[in-house]
Every structure is written in structure tokens, then in C-alpha cells.
Amino acid sequence: MPLYDFACRVCGRTFEAMAKMGEGQSVCACGGTAERLLSVGGGYRADADWLPSVMAVVDKDSPKPHVRAFLAEPSRANYRRWLAGEKLRPLEGGESRRPPAPGPDIAREVRARFAARHGVA
């Protein structure tokens, strides 16, 4: 089922939920009725490209509430909560998984300390 945006009539909260394509209403956390919002563009994909990679690393046996919430409803909002609960963050543009190589000043200092420790000239 694809993800859609909903707005609650009672509390005004906007949230994402999985729903069948023909459903125009959902139930909010407050218990109120929420109407489906119109989206610009192609809409949401049920097979979001990030979902399999995240599901592969989530501890499915964890009792933590943020993990249970994400597994029950894998929306982007619950993904952000899962990241925060696990003290993770997505990579920013330009970042890589490897730390940058030490600069020439650091490498020079490491060599100098090694030489001093071992009596190498």
C-alpha cells in the first residue's frame, strides 16, 4: 500500500499513513477522522527505495518503542524517529562513510612522534 498524507479534522495534525488507493480517510492518533491530502507530483511509492536498506539493519527483536513503531508503520516520520532513537543521522551531501584521510600536518606529526619514541632518525 502506498503512503499518503492525512490531516486530522479534530486536532489539525498532519501525518503519513499507508492506505489503499481508494481510501480518502484515516484515523488520527487523537482518535479523530483525518482526510487524505492531495499531493503534487507522482505521489508516494509503496516500494520506497530507502525502505529495504533500512529494514535490513533494523533490529526486529528490539523492544524499544521507536523500533516497534517503525516496524509497524515504516513511514518517513517513523524513520526519522528511529534514527533519533538509535542516535543516528543520514549522511549529508558530500559526506562519505569513510573518515577523511589525515592531512599532511597530522601525518608528519605522527611520523615525528613515532621517530622520537623509537629513536629513529
N, C-alpha and C. Protein backbone atom coordinates (compact mmCIF):
# COMPACT_ATOMS: atom_id res chain seq x y z
N MET A 1 0.85 -1.18 0.00
CA MET A 1 0.00 0.00 0.00
C MET A 1 0.89 1.24 0.00
N PRO A 2 0.50 2.26 -0.73
CA PRO A 2 1.30 3.49 -0.77
C PRO A 2 1.08 4.35 0.47
N LEU A 3 2.03 5.25 0.70
CA LEU A 3 1.93 6.22 1.80
C LEU A 3 1.21 7.47 1.29
N TYR A 4 0.35 8.00 2.14
CA TYR A 4 -0.36 9.25 1.82
C TYR A 4 -0.27 10.20 3.00
N ASP A 5 -0.42 11.48 2.73
CA ASP A 5 -0.51 12.49 3.78
C ASP A 5 -1.96 12.66 4.18
N PHE A 6 -2.19 12.78 5.49
CA PHE A 6 -3.52 12.99 6.03
C PHE A 6 -3.49 14.18 6.98
N ALA A 7 -4.61 14.90 7.07
CA ALA A 7 -4.77 16.00 8.02
C ALA A 7 -5.98 15.71 8.89
N CYS A 8 -5.78 15.76 10.21
CA CYS A 8 -6.85 15.46 11.16
C CYS A 8 -7.81 16.65 11.25
N ARG A 9 -9.10 16.36 11.22
CA ARG A 9 -10.11 17.41 11.35
C ARG A 9 -10.23 17.90 12.79
N VAL A 10 -9.89 17.04 13.76
CA VAL A 10 -10.07 17.38 15.17
C VAL A 10 -8.90 18.20 15.71
N CYS A 11 -7.67 17.63 15.60
CA CYS A 11 -6.52 18.30 16.21
C CYS A 11 -5.66 19.07 15.21
N GLY A 12 -5.88 18.88 13.90
CA GLY A 12 -5.14 19.60 12.88
C GLY A 12 -3.78 18.99 12.55
N ARG A 13 -3.44 17.88 13.18
CA ARG A 13 -2.16 17.22 12.94
C ARG A 13 -2.09 16.69 11.51
N THR A 14 -0.91 16.82 10.88
CA THR A 14 -0.67 16.25 9.56
C THR A 14 0.28 15.07 9.75
N PHE A 15 -0.05 13.94 9.14
CA PHE A 15 0.77 12.74 9.31
C PHE A 15 0.71 11.89 8.06
N GLU A 16 1.62 10.92 7.98
CA GLU A 16 1.65 9.96 6.87
C GLU A 16 1.05 8.66 7.35
N ALA A 17 0.38 7.98 6.46
CA ALA A 17 -0.15 6.65 6.78
C ALA A 17 -0.26 5.85 5.49
N MET A 18 -0.13 4.54 5.64
CA MET A 18 -0.34 3.68 4.48
C MET A 18 -1.84 3.46 4.33
N ALA A 19 -2.30 3.53 3.10
CA ALA A 19 -3.73 3.36 2.85
C ALA A 19 -3.92 2.80 1.45
N LYS A 20 -5.07 2.19 1.25
CA LYS A 20 -5.40 1.72 -0.09
C LYS A 20 -5.64 2.93 -0.98
N MET A 21 -5.48 2.75 -2.26
CA MET A 21 -5.57 3.89 -3.18
C MET A 21 -6.93 4.57 -3.14
N GLY A 22 -7.98 3.84 -2.88
CA GLY A 22 -9.31 4.43 -2.88
C GLY A 22 -9.74 5.04 -1.56
N GLU A 23 -8.98 4.80 -0.50
CA GLU A 23 -9.37 5.33 0.81
C GLU A 23 -9.07 6.81 0.90
N GLY A 24 -10.04 7.57 1.35
CA GLY A 24 -9.86 9.01 1.48
C GLY A 24 -9.79 9.47 2.92
N GLN A 25 -9.94 8.53 3.87
CA GLN A 25 -9.92 8.89 5.29
C GLN A 25 -9.05 7.92 6.06
N SER A 26 -8.56 8.38 7.21
CA SER A 26 -7.79 7.57 8.12
C SER A 26 -8.14 8.00 9.53
N VAL A 27 -7.60 7.32 10.52
CA VAL A 27 -7.84 7.67 11.92
C VAL A 27 -6.56 8.26 12.48
N CYS A 28 -6.68 9.41 13.11
CA CYS A 28 -5.55 10.11 13.72
C CYS A 28 -5.22 9.48 15.07
N ALA A 29 -4.05 9.81 15.63
CA ALA A 29 -3.65 9.33 16.95
C ALA A 29 -4.59 9.85 18.03
N CYS A 30 -5.22 11.00 17.79
CA CYS A 30 -6.16 11.56 18.77
C CYS A 30 -7.52 10.87 18.71
N GLY A 31 -7.72 10.03 17.70
CA GLY A 31 -8.99 9.33 17.52
C GLY A 31 -9.92 10.01 16.54
N GLY A 32 -9.53 11.18 16.06
CA GLY A 32 -10.36 11.92 15.10
C GLY A 32 -10.22 11.39 13.69
N THR A 33 -11.11 11.83 12.83
CA THR A 33 -11.09 11.44 11.42
C THR A 33 -10.14 12.37 10.67
N ALA A 34 -9.30 11.78 9.83
CA ALA A 34 -8.35 12.55 9.05
C ALA A 34 -8.65 12.37 7.57
N GLU A 35 -8.60 13.46 6.83
CA GLU A 35 -8.84 13.46 5.39
C GLU A 35 -7.51 13.36 4.65
N ARG A 36 -7.50 12.62 3.55
CA ARG A 36 -6.31 12.50 2.74
C ARG A 36 -6.05 13.80 2.01
N LEU A 37 -4.78 14.24 2.00
CA LEU A 37 -4.38 15.46 1.31
C LEU A 37 -3.94 15.13 -0.10
N LEU A 38 -4.16 16.06 -1.00
CA LEU A 38 -3.68 15.89 -2.37
C LEU A 38 -2.19 16.18 -2.41
N SER A 39 -1.46 15.37 -3.15
CA SER A 39 -0.02 15.54 -3.27
C SER A 39 0.32 16.04 -4.66
N VAL A 40 1.39 16.79 -4.75
CA VAL A 40 1.87 17.29 -6.03
C VAL A 40 2.84 16.26 -6.57
N GLY A 41 2.81 16.04 -7.87
CA GLY A 41 3.76 15.11 -8.47
C GLY A 41 3.21 13.70 -8.53
N GLY A 42 4.13 12.75 -8.60
CA GLY A 42 3.76 11.36 -8.77
C GLY A 42 3.21 10.68 -7.54
N GLY A 43 3.25 11.35 -6.41
CA GLY A 43 2.77 10.72 -5.18
C GLY A 43 3.82 9.83 -4.57
N TYR A 44 3.42 9.06 -3.60
CA TYR A 44 4.35 8.19 -2.89
C TYR A 44 4.42 6.83 -3.56
N ARG A 45 5.56 6.22 -3.43
CA ARG A 45 5.73 4.87 -3.95
C ARG A 45 5.65 3.89 -2.80
N ALA A 46 4.94 2.82 -2.99
CA ALA A 46 4.84 1.80 -1.95
C ALA A 46 6.18 1.11 -1.75
N ASP A 47 6.96 1.01 -2.80
CA ASP A 47 8.26 0.36 -2.71
C ASP A 47 9.36 1.41 -2.66
N ALA A 48 9.33 2.26 -1.63
CA ALA A 48 10.33 3.32 -1.48
C ALA A 48 11.72 2.71 -1.54
N ASP A 49 12.63 3.35 -2.28
CA ASP A 49 13.95 2.76 -2.49
C ASP A 49 14.79 2.69 -1.22
N TRP A 50 14.51 3.52 -0.21
CA TRP A 50 15.27 3.50 1.02
C TRP A 50 14.80 2.42 1.99
N LEU A 51 13.57 1.95 1.82
CA LEU A 51 12.97 1.03 2.78
C LEU A 51 13.71 -0.31 2.92
N PRO A 52 14.06 -1.02 1.84
CA PRO A 52 14.76 -2.30 2.02
C PRO A 52 16.10 -2.17 2.74
N SER A 53 16.85 -1.11 2.45
CA SER A 53 18.16 -0.95 3.10
C SER A 53 18.01 -0.66 4.59
N VAL A 54 16.98 0.09 4.96
CA VAL A 54 16.75 0.38 6.38
C VAL A 54 16.23 -0.86 7.09
N MET A 55 15.28 -1.55 6.47
CA MET A 55 14.72 -2.75 7.10
C MET A 55 15.78 -3.82 7.32
N ALA A 56 16.82 -3.83 6.49
CA ALA A 56 17.88 -4.84 6.63
C ALA A 56 18.70 -4.62 7.90
N VAL A 57 18.77 -3.38 8.40
CA VAL A 57 19.60 -3.10 9.58
C VAL A 57 18.80 -2.89 10.86
N VAL A 58 17.49 -2.79 10.77
CA VAL A 58 16.67 -2.61 11.97
C VAL A 58 16.64 -3.90 12.77
N ASP A 59 16.86 -3.79 14.09
CA ASP A 59 16.80 -4.96 14.97
C ASP A 59 15.33 -5.31 15.19
N LYS A 60 14.88 -6.34 14.51
CA LYS A 60 13.46 -6.68 14.52
C LYS A 60 12.98 -7.27 15.85
N ASP A 61 13.91 -7.65 16.73
CA ASP A 61 13.55 -8.20 18.03
C ASP A 61 13.64 -7.16 19.15
N SER A 62 14.00 -5.94 18.81
CA SER A 62 14.17 -4.89 19.82
C SER A 62 12.84 -4.49 20.43
N PRO A 63 12.79 -4.34 21.76
CA PRO A 63 11.56 -3.89 22.41
C PRO A 63 11.42 -2.36 22.46
N LYS A 64 12.40 -1.63 21.94
CA LYS A 64 12.36 -0.16 22.01
C LYS A 64 11.15 0.37 21.25
N PRO A 65 10.45 1.35 21.83
CA PRO A 65 9.23 1.86 21.19
C PRO A 65 9.44 2.46 19.81
N HIS A 66 10.57 3.15 19.59
CA HIS A 66 10.80 3.75 18.27
C HIS A 66 11.04 2.67 17.22
N VAL A 67 11.61 1.54 17.61
CA VAL A 67 11.82 0.44 16.67
C VAL A 67 10.48 -0.23 16.36
N ARG A 68 9.69 -0.49 17.40
CA ARG A 68 8.38 -1.13 17.21
C ARG A 68 7.48 -0.26 16.33
N ALA A 69 7.51 1.06 16.54
CA ALA A 69 6.68 1.97 15.75
C ALA A 69 7.10 1.95 14.29
N PHE A 70 8.41 1.94 14.04
CA PHE A 70 8.89 1.92 12.65
C PHE A 70 8.52 0.62 11.96
N LEU A 71 8.67 -0.51 12.67
CA LEU A 71 8.34 -1.80 12.06
C LEU A 71 6.84 -1.92 11.80
N ALA A 72 6.02 -1.33 12.68
CA ALA A 72 4.57 -1.38 12.48
C ALA A 72 4.13 -0.50 11.32
N GLU A 73 4.77 0.66 11.18
CA GLU A 73 4.40 1.59 10.11
C GLU A 73 5.66 2.27 9.59
N PRO A 74 6.27 1.75 8.53
CA PRO A 74 7.54 2.31 8.04
C PRO A 74 7.36 3.59 7.21
N SER A 75 6.93 4.65 7.85
CA SER A 75 6.78 5.94 7.17
C SER A 75 8.06 6.75 7.34
N ARG A 76 8.17 7.85 6.61
CA ARG A 76 9.34 8.71 6.75
C ARG A 76 9.41 9.32 8.15
N ALA A 77 8.27 9.66 8.73
CA ALA A 77 8.26 10.23 10.08
C ALA A 77 8.78 9.21 11.09
N ASN A 78 8.33 7.97 10.99
CA ASN A 78 8.82 6.94 11.91
C ASN A 78 10.28 6.59 11.62
N TYR A 79 10.72 6.74 10.39
CA TYR A 79 12.13 6.54 10.04
C TYR A 79 12.98 7.59 10.76
N ARG A 80 12.53 8.85 10.75
CA ARG A 80 13.26 9.91 11.45
C ARG A 80 13.29 9.64 12.95
N ARG A 81 12.18 9.17 13.51
CA ARG A 81 12.14 8.84 14.94
C ARG A 81 13.09 7.67 15.25
N TRP A 82 13.13 6.68 14.35
CA TRP A 82 14.03 5.55 14.54
C TRP A 82 15.48 6.02 14.52
N LEU A 83 15.83 6.88 13.56
CA LEU A 83 17.19 7.41 13.51
C LEU A 83 17.55 8.13 14.80
N ALA A 84 16.65 8.98 15.28
CA ALA A 84 16.91 9.73 16.52
C ALA A 84 17.04 8.78 17.70
N GLY A 85 16.17 7.78 17.77
CA GLY A 85 16.22 6.82 18.88
C GLY A 85 17.49 5.99 18.89
N GLU A 86 18.04 5.71 17.72
CA GLU A 86 19.28 4.94 17.60
C GLU A 86 20.50 5.86 17.60
N LYS A 87 20.28 7.16 17.77
CA LYS A 87 21.34 8.17 17.76
C LYS A 87 22.14 8.13 16.46
N LEU A 88 21.41 8.06 15.34
CA LEU A 88 21.99 8.06 14.01
C LEU A 88 21.50 9.28 13.25
N ARG A 89 22.13 9.56 12.14
CA ARG A 89 21.66 10.60 11.24
C ARG A 89 22.02 10.19 9.82
N PRO A 90 21.22 10.60 8.85
CA PRO A 90 21.57 10.27 7.47
C PRO A 90 22.79 11.06 7.03
N LEU A 91 23.52 10.53 6.06
CA LEU A 91 24.68 11.24 5.53
C LEU A 91 24.23 12.51 4.81
N GLU A 92 24.97 13.56 5.02
CA GLU A 92 24.71 14.81 4.32
C GLU A 92 25.36 14.74 2.94
N GLY A 93 24.94 15.63 2.06
CA GLY A 93 25.54 15.70 0.74
C GLY A 93 27.03 15.97 0.84
N GLY A 94 27.84 15.20 0.13
CA GLY A 94 29.29 15.38 0.17
C GLY A 94 29.98 14.53 1.22
N GLU A 95 29.24 13.92 2.15
CA GLU A 95 29.85 13.05 3.15
C GLU A 95 30.05 11.66 2.56
N SER A 96 31.01 10.96 3.09
CA SER A 96 31.19 9.57 2.72
C SER A 96 31.22 8.74 4.00
N ARG A 97 31.16 7.45 3.86
CA ARG A 97 31.16 6.58 5.03
C ARG A 97 32.54 6.51 5.69
N ARG A 98 33.60 6.72 4.93
CA ARG A 98 34.95 6.68 5.49
C ARG A 98 35.36 8.05 6.00
N PRO A 99 36.09 8.08 7.11
CA PRO A 99 36.59 9.38 7.54
C PRO A 99 37.65 9.88 6.55
N PRO A 100 37.82 11.16 6.45
CA PRO A 100 38.81 11.68 5.51
C PRO A 100 40.21 11.25 5.93
N ALA A 101 41.09 11.11 4.95
CA ALA A 101 42.49 10.76 5.24
C ALA A 101 43.14 11.90 5.99
N PRO A 102 44.06 11.57 6.92
CA PRO A 102 44.71 12.65 7.67
C PRO A 102 45.50 13.56 6.73
N GLY A 103 45.51 14.83 7.06
CA GLY A 103 46.23 15.80 6.25
C GLY A 103 47.73 15.65 6.43
N PRO A 104 48.51 16.36 5.62
CA PRO A 104 49.97 16.21 5.68
C PRO A 104 50.54 16.63 7.04
N ASP A 105 49.94 17.61 7.71
CA ASP A 105 50.45 18.05 9.01
C ASP A 105 50.28 16.94 10.05
N ILE A 106 49.14 16.26 10.04
CA ILE A 106 48.90 15.19 11.00
C ILE A 106 49.83 14.02 10.72
N ALA A 107 49.97 13.65 9.45
CA ALA A 107 50.85 12.54 9.09
C ALA A 107 52.29 12.85 9.50
N ARG A 108 52.73 14.08 9.29
CA ARG A 108 54.09 14.48 9.66
C ARG A 108 54.28 14.39 11.17
N GLU A 109 53.29 14.83 11.94
CA GLU A 109 53.38 14.78 13.40
C GLU A 109 53.41 13.33 13.89
N VAL A 110 52.61 12.46 13.29
CA VAL A 110 52.60 11.04 13.68
C VAL A 110 53.96 10.43 13.43
N ARG A 111 54.55 10.71 12.25
CA ARG A 111 55.89 10.18 11.95
C ARG A 111 56.94 10.71 12.93
N ALA A 112 56.87 12.00 13.27
CA ALA A 112 57.83 12.59 14.20
C ALA A 112 57.71 11.96 15.58
N ARG A 113 56.48 11.75 16.07
CA ARG A 113 56.31 11.13 17.39
C ARG A 113 56.79 9.69 17.38
N PHE A 114 56.53 8.96 16.29
CA PHE A 114 57.00 7.58 16.17
C PHE A 114 58.53 7.55 16.22
N ALA A 115 59.17 8.45 15.45
CA ALA A 115 60.62 8.50 15.41
C ALA A 115 61.19 8.83 16.79
N ALA A 116 60.57 9.76 17.52
CA ALA A 116 61.05 10.12 18.84
C ALA A 116 60.90 8.97 19.83
N ARG A 117 59.79 8.24 19.74
CA ARG A 117 59.56 7.11 20.64
C ARG A 117 60.54 5.98 20.39
N HIS A 118 60.84 5.73 19.13
CA HIS A 118 61.66 4.57 18.77
C HIS A 118 63.13 4.93 18.48
N GLY A 119 63.50 6.15 18.62
CA GLY A 119 64.88 6.57 18.39
C GLY A 119 65.31 6.44 16.95
N VAL A 120 64.36 6.64 16.04
CA VAL A 120 64.65 6.56 14.61
C VAL A 120 64.88 7.97 14.11
N ALA A 121 65.86 8.14 13.23
CA ALA A 121 66.13 9.48 12.71
C ALA A 121 65.31 9.82 11.53
